[in-house]
Each structure stands twice: as structure tokens, then as C-alpha cells.
Amino acid sequence: MNDQHYATPNADLKPESTEISELIEPLIATKIWVRLCSIMGFIFTFFIVIGGIGLLAGGSAIPNMPFGAGIGVLYLVMGVLYFMPSLYLHKYAGAISQAQASQNSADVLAALKYQKSFWKFAGILVLLMLVFMLVGMGAAIMIPMMAGV
């Protein structure tokens, strides 16, 4: 009978060595898409802000559009909200390029911090949108009930 199954297990507790280039490789693979999303975000932000300025300037002058200026302000706020994630993505892509060039773990960490900032901002926006949708649905239910419709 073999008593090997009663032997003390051999556990290799030393951390596995990973080269910086292996850590950077997945980041480099996403860099082009991150850069594309950031540029598209900046372009969308530009059009949102231009639309907001147009509504702000001309919306209140048009008699059939009483809330044009208010909608223009809303577009400007949306422009700021679209700009921030695009900026985080742009900085993230730049930090990936820096990490690729330097092969330094500090630069990899900087890139991951920009990624964290992007996802934190995106998560906060999702929560805010959820709150606004719930308030809107509550208002859509309560206002007609109060009006007796």
C-alpha cells in the first residue's frame, strides 16, 4: 500500500514572476479601440455643445419653442458629461503608449488608474440615470393621478 497520500503537501508559495511586457500586452491590444472611443466621444461632445449653444441662443427667440433655452442648458450639461469619460479614455490610451515605450510598472499602474477613473465615472453616470428614470416614472404615474386624469 502506498502512503504517499499522507505526505505533507508541497505548496510552492513563491509568486510567479511575470514580465512587464506580458502585463502590457492586453492593454496594447485595446489601445486602438480606447483611442477610437475617446475621439468619437470628443466629436459627439462637440456636436452636443454646438446644438446646446444653438438652442440657447435661438431657442428662446422662436415663439413656438418656449423651452428652447432650457433644453440648450441641458445639452450643455450633457456635453460636459460626455467630455469627461472621453478625456479619461484619451489619458488612458496615452498612458498605455507610455507604458509600452518605457516597459515600466509605474506607467502600467498609471494607465490602470486612468481606466479606473473612467469606469468610476461611468458607474456614477449609470446610477444617476437610474435615479432620474425612477423619478421620471414616478412623476409620470403621479402627475396624471393628481390631475384626475
C-alpha atoms as a PDB file:
ATOM      1  CA  MET A   1       0.000   0.000   0.000  1.00  0.00           C
ATOM      2  CA  ASN A   2       1.290   3.464  -0.887  1.00  0.00           C
ATOM      3  CA  ASP A   3       1.387   6.049   1.952  1.00  0.00           C
ATOM      4  CA  GLN A   4       2.053   8.977  -0.403  1.00  0.00           C
ATOM      5  CA  HIS A   5      -1.414  10.439   0.143  1.00  0.00           C
ATOM      6  CA  TYR A   6      -0.476  11.000   3.814  1.00  0.00           C
ATOM      7  CA  ALA A   7       2.627  13.005   2.937  1.00  0.00           C
ATOM      8  CA  THR A   8       2.801  16.723   3.592  1.00  0.00           C
ATOM      9  CA  PRO A   9       1.576  18.593   0.524  1.00  0.00           C
ATOM     10  CA  ASN A  10       4.188  20.502  -1.441  1.00  0.00           C
ATOM     11  CA  ALA A  11       2.990  24.082  -1.833  1.00  0.00           C
ATOM     12  CA  ASP A  12       5.031  26.482  -3.910  1.00  0.00           C
ATOM     13  CA  LEU A  13       4.128  29.786  -2.237  1.00  0.00           C
ATOM     14  CA  LYS A  14       6.554  31.926  -4.247  1.00  0.00           C
ATOM     15  CA  PRO A  15       4.725  34.355  -6.528  1.00  0.00           C
ATOM     16  CA  GLU A  16       5.038  33.568 -10.202  1.00  0.00           C
ATOM     17  CA  SER A  17       7.287  36.012 -11.988  1.00  0.00           C
ATOM     18  CA  THR A  18       5.526  37.917 -14.737  1.00  0.00           C
ATOM     19  CA  GLU A  19       7.327  40.155 -17.168  1.00  0.00           C
ATOM     20  CA  ILE A  20       6.091  43.722 -17.584  1.00  0.00           C
ATOM     21  CA  SER A  21       5.686  43.094 -21.305  1.00  0.00           C
ATOM     22  CA  GLU A  22       3.182  40.313 -20.521  1.00  0.00           C
ATOM     23  CA  LEU A  23       1.172  42.742 -18.384  1.00  0.00           C
ATOM     24  CA  ILE A  24       1.228  45.473 -21.024  1.00  0.00           C
ATOM     25  CA  GLU A  25       0.272  43.177 -23.912  1.00  0.00           C
ATOM     26  CA  PRO A  26      -3.512  43.097 -23.197  1.00  0.00           C
ATOM     27  CA  LEU A  27      -3.503  46.861 -22.691  1.00  0.00           C
ATOM     28  CA  ILE A  28      -1.742  47.413 -26.010  1.00  0.00           C
ATOM     29  CA  ALA A  29      -4.342  45.233 -27.732  1.00  0.00           C
ATOM     30  CA  THR A  30      -7.124  47.561 -26.536  1.00  0.00           C
ATOM     31  CA  LYS A  31      -5.282  50.845 -27.133  1.00  0.00           C
ATOM     32  CA  ILE A  32      -6.622  51.404 -30.661  1.00  0.00           C
ATOM     33  CA  TRP A  33     -10.233  50.878 -29.515  1.00  0.00           C
ATOM     34  CA  VAL A  34      -9.773  53.087 -26.479  1.00  0.00           C
ATOM     35  CA  ARG A  35      -8.344  55.824 -28.698  1.00  0.00           C
ATOM     36  CA  LEU A  36     -11.228  55.421 -31.183  1.00  0.00           C
ATOM     37  CA  CYS A  37     -13.845  55.676 -28.418  1.00  0.00           C
ATOM     38  CA  SER A  38     -12.181  58.757 -26.951  1.00  0.00           C
ATOM     39  CA  ILE A  39     -12.003  60.536 -30.327  1.00  0.00           C
ATOM     40  CA  MET A  40     -15.625  59.669 -31.125  1.00  0.00           C
ATOM     41  CA  GLY A  41     -16.594  60.904 -27.656  1.00  0.00           C
ATOM     42  CA  PHE A  42     -14.874  64.241 -28.309  1.00  0.00           C
ATOM     43  CA  ILE A  43     -16.647  64.550 -31.680  1.00  0.00           C
ATOM     44  CA  PHE A  44     -20.054  63.781 -30.128  1.00  0.00           C
ATOM     45  CA  THR A  45     -19.325  66.240 -27.337  1.00  0.00           C
ATOM     46  CA  PHE A  46     -18.560  68.946 -29.896  1.00  0.00           C
ATOM     47  CA  PHE A  47     -21.875  68.414 -31.686  1.00  0.00           C
ATOM     48  CA  ILE A  48     -23.819  68.309 -28.414  1.00  0.00           C
ATOM     49  CA  VAL A  49     -22.257  71.588 -27.258  1.00  0.00           C
ATOM     50  CA  ILE A  50     -22.874  73.254 -30.653  1.00  0.00           C
ATOM     51  CA  GLY A  51     -26.509  72.102 -30.504  1.00  0.00           C
ATOM     52  CA  GLY A  52     -26.807  73.396 -26.949  1.00  0.00           C
ATOM     53  CA  ILE A  53     -25.396  76.782 -27.887  1.00  0.00           C
ATOM     54  CA  GLY A  54     -27.761  76.944 -30.863  1.00  0.00           C
ATOM     55  CA  LEU A  55     -30.770  76.100 -28.705  1.00  0.00           C
ATOM     56  CA  LEU A  56     -29.637  78.518 -26.018  1.00  0.00           C
ATOM     57  CA  ALA A  57     -29.145  81.373 -28.475  1.00  0.00           C
ATOM     58  CA  GLY A  58     -32.075  80.824 -30.795  1.00  0.00           C
ATOM     59  CA  GLY A  59     -34.457  78.641 -28.852  1.00  0.00           C
ATOM     60  CA  SER A  60     -35.972  81.395 -26.768  1.00  0.00           C
ATOM     61  CA  ALA A  61     -36.312  83.662 -29.812  1.00  0.00           C
ATOM     62  CA  ILE A  62     -38.602  81.195 -31.609  1.00  0.00           C
ATOM     63  CA  PRO A  63     -42.189  81.690 -30.404  1.00  0.00           C
ATOM     64  CA  ASN A  64     -43.213  78.038 -30.846  1.00  0.00           C
ATOM     65  CA  MET A  65     -40.305  76.810 -28.738  1.00  0.00           C
ATOM     66  CA  PRO A  66     -40.809  78.143 -25.190  1.00  0.00           C
ATOM     67  CA  PHE A  67     -38.353  75.756 -23.525  1.00  0.00           C
ATOM     68  CA  GLY A  68     -35.544  76.099 -26.086  1.00  0.00           C
ATOM     69  CA  ALA A  69     -33.161  77.877 -23.722  1.00  0.00           C
ATOM     70  CA  GLY A  70     -33.751  75.293 -21.001  1.00  0.00           C
ATOM     71  CA  ILE A  71     -33.105  72.455 -23.410  1.00  0.00           C
ATOM     72  CA  GLY A  72     -29.970  74.293 -24.557  1.00  0.00           C
ATOM     73  CA  VAL A  73     -28.681  74.353 -20.979  1.00  0.00           C
ATOM     74  CA  LEU A  74     -29.495  70.657 -20.681  1.00  0.00           C
ATOM     75  CA  TYR A  75     -27.455  69.972 -23.840  1.00  0.00           C
ATOM     76  CA  LEU A  76     -24.503  71.906 -22.419  1.00  0.00           C
ATOM     77  CA  VAL A  77     -24.637  69.835 -19.228  1.00  0.00           C
ATOM     78  CA  MET A  78     -24.796  66.679 -21.344  1.00  0.00           C
ATOM     79  CA  GLY A  79     -21.757  67.925 -23.266  1.00  0.00           C
ATOM     80  CA  VAL A  80     -19.764  68.194 -20.045  1.00  0.00           C
ATOM     81  CA  LEU A  81     -20.910  64.719 -19.014  1.00  0.00           C
ATOM     82  CA  TYR A  82     -19.821  63.303 -22.392  1.00  0.00           C
ATOM     83  CA  PHE A  83     -16.483  65.126 -22.294  1.00  0.00           C
ATOM     84  CA  MET A  84     -15.227  63.643 -19.028  1.00  0.00           C
ATOM     85  CA  PRO A  85     -15.244  59.934 -19.983  1.00  0.00           C
ATOM     86  CA  SER A  86     -13.700  60.825 -23.347  1.00  0.00           C
ATOM     87  CA  LEU A  87     -10.920  62.647 -21.533  1.00  0.00           C
ATOM     88  CA  TYR A  88     -10.299  59.682 -19.221  1.00  0.00           C
ATOM     89  CA  LEU A  89     -10.147  57.342 -22.223  1.00  0.00           C
ATOM     90  CA  HIS A  90      -7.737  59.689 -24.008  1.00  0.00           C
ATOM     91  CA  LYS A  91      -5.447  59.810 -20.990  1.00  0.00           C
ATOM     92  CA  TYR A  92      -5.715  56.022 -20.633  1.00  0.00           C
ATOM     93  CA  ALA A  93      -4.646  55.471 -24.248  1.00  0.00           C
ATOM     94  CA  GLY A  94      -1.737  57.880 -23.791  1.00  0.00           C
ATOM     95  CA  ALA A  95      -0.651  56.097 -20.628  1.00  0.00           C
ATOM     96  CA  ILE A  96      -0.758  52.751 -22.479  1.00  0.00           C
ATOM     97  CA  SER A  97       1.569  54.205 -25.124  1.00  0.00           C
ATOM     98  CA  GLN A  98       3.894  55.483 -22.395  1.00  0.00           C
ATOM     99  CA  ALA A  99       3.906  52.093 -20.679  1.00  0.00           C
ATOM    100  CA  GLN A 100       4.592  50.378 -23.990  1.00  0.00           C
ATOM    101  CA  ALA A 101       7.579  52.625 -24.635  1.00  0.00           C
ATOM    102  CA  SER A 102       9.071  52.511 -21.144  1.00  0.00           C
ATOM    103  CA  GLN A 103       8.178  48.938 -20.089  1.00  0.00           C
ATOM    104  CA  ASN A 104       7.889  50.374 -16.576  1.00  0.00           C
ATOM    105  CA  SER A 105       5.428  49.060 -13.985  1.00  0.00           C
ATOM    106  CA  ALA A 106       4.745  52.606 -12.742  1.00  0.00           C
ATOM    107  CA  ASP A 107       3.455  53.537 -16.193  1.00  0.00           C
ATOM    108  CA  VAL A 108       1.265  50.424 -16.282  1.00  0.00           C
ATOM    109  CA  LEU A 109      -0.142  51.481 -12.918  1.00  0.00           C
ATOM    110  CA  ALA A 110      -0.806  54.998 -14.230  1.00  0.00           C
ATOM    111  CA  ALA A 111      -2.713  53.531 -17.200  1.00  0.00           C
ATOM    112  CA  LEU A 112      -4.800  51.351 -14.909  1.00  0.00           C
ATOM    113  CA  LYS A 113      -5.593  54.363 -12.707  1.00  0.00           C
ATOM    114  CA  TYR A 114      -6.999  56.215 -15.726  1.00  0.00           C
ATOM    115  CA  GLN A 115      -9.020  53.128 -16.585  1.00  0.00           C
ATOM    116  CA  LYS A 116     -10.334  53.049 -13.005  1.00  0.00           C
ATOM    117  CA  SER A 117     -11.303  56.724 -13.248  1.00  0.00           C
ATOM    118  CA  PHE A 118     -13.215  56.065 -16.467  1.00  0.00           C
ATOM    119  CA  TRP A 119     -15.191  53.166 -15.006  1.00  0.00           C
ATOM    120  CA  LYS A 120     -15.873  55.020 -11.759  1.00  0.00           C
ATOM    121  CA  PHE A 121     -17.279  57.979 -13.714  1.00  0.00           C
ATOM    122  CA  ALA A 122     -19.300  55.644 -15.955  1.00  0.00           C
ATOM    123  CA  GLY A 123     -20.714  53.830 -12.920  1.00  0.00           C
ATOM    124  CA  ILE A 124     -21.739  57.093 -11.264  1.00  0.00           C
ATOM    125  CA  LEU A 125     -23.458  58.177 -14.501  1.00  0.00           C
ATOM    126  CA  VAL A 126     -25.355  54.891 -14.676  1.00  0.00           C
ATOM    127  CA  LEU A 127     -26.557  55.331 -11.098  1.00  0.00           C
ATOM    128  CA  LEU A 128     -27.613  58.938 -11.773  1.00  0.00           C
ATOM    129  CA  MET A 129     -29.513  57.881 -14.894  1.00  0.00           C
ATOM    130  CA  LEU A 130     -31.251  55.148 -12.923  1.00  0.00           C
ATOM    131  CA  VAL A 131     -32.342  57.669 -10.287  1.00  0.00           C
ATOM    132  CA  PHE A 132     -33.594  60.102 -12.967  1.00  0.00           C
ATOM    133  CA  MET A 133     -35.527  57.327 -14.708  1.00  0.00           C
ATOM    134  CA  LEU A 134     -37.163  56.224 -11.461  1.00  0.00           C
ATOM    135  CA  VAL A 135     -38.109  59.806 -10.599  1.00  0.00           C
ATOM    136  CA  GLY A 136     -39.450  60.295 -14.132  1.00  0.00           C
ATOM    137  CA  MET A 137     -41.524  57.122 -13.977  1.00  0.00           C
ATOM    138  CA  GLY A 138     -42.857  58.131 -10.574  1.00  0.00           C
ATOM    139  CA  ALA A 139     -43.764  61.566 -11.913  1.00  0.00           C
ATOM    140  CA  ALA A 140     -45.397  60.013 -14.999  1.00  0.00           C
ATOM    141  CA  ILE A 141     -47.590  57.936 -12.697  1.00  0.00           C
ATOM    142  CA  MET A 142     -48.301  60.523 -10.001  1.00  0.00           C
ATOM    143  CA  ILE A 143     -48.989  63.651 -12.085  1.00  0.00           C
ATOM    144  CA  PRO A 144     -51.961  62.206 -14.008  1.00  0.00           C
ATOM    145  CA  MET A 145     -53.334  60.702 -10.785  1.00  0.00           C
ATOM    146  CA  MET A 146     -53.175  64.085  -9.039  1.00  0.00           C
ATOM    147  CA  ALA A 147     -54.699  65.845 -12.038  1.00  0.00           C
ATOM    148  CA  GLY A 148     -57.624  63.453 -12.000  1.00  0.00           C
ATOM    149  CA  VAL A 149     -56.991  62.145 -15.493  1.00  0.00           C
END
